[in-house]
């Protein structure tokens, strides 16, 4: 079984360490201690909580529906444009997302540094990596 430290769980859930500790106190997550005496939670329990949170953000009637499931809310942090194409960078939580779109699209969307935006990822290939260390 995979165990995560409080800070790791908080990172995966997109909340503060204190929120995870409160959830443990409230019984929303269960914790145990590892061999070094640190409080840990199971990766499976964190994954279930993350999925439940994502389901709470599902489609709202009247909003545009999409087949893409990978949507990351963020802020535009940088735009580099030439006459035809633009490179748009977003900071979506701890993730930096870079997209190449037309300069015309940047103008039509009114994008500028600080604009809120959603990066929608639809890919046929996704690479999954791990450190290879056994849990």
Protein backbone atom coordinates (compact mmCIF):
# COMPACT_ATOMS: atom_id res chain seq x y z
CA UNK A 1 0.00 0.00 0.00
CA UNK A 2 1.24 3.49 -0.83
CA UNK A 3 1.37 6.04 1.97
CA UNK A 4 1.67 9.80 1.54
CA UNK A 5 2.93 12.39 3.98
CA UNK A 6 0.50 15.18 4.85
CA UNK A 7 2.32 17.65 2.57
CA UNK A 8 2.25 15.21 -0.35
CA UNK A 9 -1.47 14.54 0.09
CA UNK A 10 -2.13 18.29 0.28
CA UNK A 11 -0.22 18.80 -2.97
CA UNK A 12 -2.24 16.14 -4.80
CA UNK A 13 -5.50 17.53 -3.45
CA UNK A 14 -4.61 21.16 -4.12
CA UNK A 15 -5.17 22.23 -0.52
CA UNK A 16 -3.00 23.29 2.41
CA UNK A 17 -1.36 20.91 4.86
CA UNK A 18 -3.67 22.36 7.53
CA UNK A 19 -6.73 21.38 5.47
CA UNK A 20 -5.52 17.79 5.31
CA UNK A 21 -4.91 17.79 9.07
CA UNK A 22 -8.45 19.17 9.64
CA UNK A 23 -9.89 16.45 7.39
CA UNK A 24 -8.06 13.84 9.46
CA UNK A 25 -9.47 15.34 12.68
CA UNK A 26 -12.97 15.44 11.11
CA UNK A 27 -12.70 11.82 9.92
CA UNK A 28 -12.74 12.71 6.22
CA UNK A 29 -9.30 11.03 5.93
CA UNK A 30 -7.73 8.43 8.21
CA UNK A 31 -4.11 8.64 9.22
CA UNK A 32 -1.46 6.42 10.68
CA UNK A 33 2.20 6.93 11.49
CA UNK A 34 5.09 5.65 9.41
CA UNK A 35 8.32 4.10 10.68
CA UNK A 36 9.80 7.57 11.31
CA UNK A 37 6.80 8.67 13.38
CA UNK A 38 5.34 10.97 10.72
CA UNK A 39 1.62 11.08 10.14
CA UNK A 40 0.67 9.54 6.76
CA UNK A 41 -2.49 8.77 4.79
CA UNK A 42 -3.06 6.09 2.18
CA UNK A 43 -2.63 7.04 -1.46
CA UNK A 44 -5.85 5.19 -2.32
CA UNK A 45 -7.86 7.28 0.15
CA UNK A 46 -6.37 10.51 -1.24
CA UNK A 47 -7.16 9.34 -4.79
CA UNK A 48 -10.79 8.66 -3.81
CA UNK A 49 -11.07 12.11 -2.24
CA UNK A 50 -9.52 13.76 -5.32
CA UNK A 51 -11.97 11.93 -7.60
CA UNK A 52 -14.93 12.98 -5.46
CA UNK A 53 -13.78 16.60 -5.62
CA UNK A 54 -13.43 16.38 -9.41
CA UNK A 55 -16.92 14.90 -9.75
CA UNK A 56 -18.25 17.89 -7.81
CA UNK A 57 -16.95 20.09 -10.62
CA UNK A 58 -18.74 18.14 -13.33
CA UNK A 59 -20.93 19.59 -16.07
CA UNK A 60 -23.53 22.18 -15.14
CA UNK A 61 -26.70 22.25 -17.31
CA UNK A 62 -26.64 25.17 -19.75
CA UNK A 63 -22.83 25.26 -19.91
CA UNK A 64 -20.80 24.12 -22.89
CA UNK A 65 -20.17 20.38 -22.74
CA UNK A 66 -16.94 18.77 -23.92
CA UNK A 67 -15.51 15.29 -24.35
CA UNK A 68 -12.20 16.48 -22.88
CA UNK A 69 -11.88 15.58 -19.21
CA UNK A 70 -8.52 17.18 -18.45
CA UNK A 71 -9.33 20.80 -17.65
CA UNK A 72 -6.91 22.89 -15.62
CA UNK A 73 -7.97 26.29 -14.28
CA UNK A 74 -5.19 28.83 -14.20
CA UNK A 75 -3.88 32.29 -14.94
CA UNK A 76 -2.02 33.46 -18.02
CA UNK A 77 1.54 34.22 -16.95
CA UNK A 78 3.23 34.96 -20.28
CA UNK A 79 2.33 35.56 -23.92
CA UNK A 80 4.86 35.67 -26.75
CA UNK A 81 3.29 36.59 -30.08
CA UNK A 82 4.39 37.15 -33.64
CA UNK A 83 2.17 38.00 -36.58
CA UNK A 84 0.72 34.49 -36.93
CA UNK A 85 1.30 32.39 -33.78
CA UNK A 86 1.47 32.93 -30.02
CA UNK A 87 2.94 30.94 -27.16
CA UNK A 88 0.67 31.24 -24.13
CA UNK A 89 1.82 30.09 -20.70
CA UNK A 90 -0.60 29.37 -17.87
CA UNK A 91 0.05 28.56 -14.25
CA UNK A 92 -2.55 25.99 -13.21
CA UNK A 93 -1.91 25.34 -9.54
CA UNK A 94 1.56 23.81 -9.37
CA UNK A 95 1.54 23.06 -13.11
CA UNK A 96 2.93 25.23 -15.91
CA UNK A 97 1.01 24.65 -19.14
CA UNK A 98 2.24 26.00 -22.48
CA UNK A 99 0.04 26.23 -25.57
CA UNK A 100 0.73 27.34 -29.12
CA UNK A 101 -2.32 29.06 -30.60
CA UNK A 102 -2.92 31.62 -33.30
CA UNK A 103 -2.32 35.27 -32.48
CA UNK A 104 -5.82 35.86 -33.82
CA UNK A 105 -7.20 33.52 -31.11
CA UNK A 106 -5.24 35.37 -28.41
CA UNK A 107 -6.81 38.63 -29.57
CA UNK A 108 -10.32 37.19 -29.91
CA UNK A 109 -10.14 35.70 -26.40
CA UNK A 110 -8.73 38.94 -25.00
CA UNK A 111 -5.89 37.06 -23.35
CA UNK A 112 -3.30 39.02 -21.42
CA UNK A 113 -1.02 38.33 -18.49
CA UNK A 114 -3.23 37.83 -15.45
CA UNK A 115 -6.28 36.65 -17.42
CA UNK A 116 -8.01 33.61 -15.95
CA UNK A 117 -8.12 30.76 -18.47
CA UNK A 118 -8.75 27.04 -18.69
CA UNK A 119 -6.23 24.70 -20.31
CA UNK A 120 -8.10 21.76 -21.82
CA UNK A 121 -5.91 18.80 -22.71
CA UNK A 122 -7.09 16.14 -25.13
CA UNK A 123 -4.32 13.75 -26.04
CA UNK A 124 -4.13 10.33 -27.63
CA UNK A 125 -0.91 9.54 -25.77
CA UNK A 126 -0.24 10.14 -22.12
CA UNK A 127 3.07 9.21 -20.52
CA UNK A 128 2.91 7.94 -16.93
CA UNK A 129 6.17 8.02 -14.98
CA UNK A 130 7.24 6.90 -11.54
CA UNK A 131 10.44 6.83 -9.57
CA UNK A 132 10.36 3.04 -9.70
CA UNK A 133 10.69 2.81 -5.93
CA UNK A 134 8.41 0.24 -4.38
CA UNK A 135 5.92 1.68 -1.86
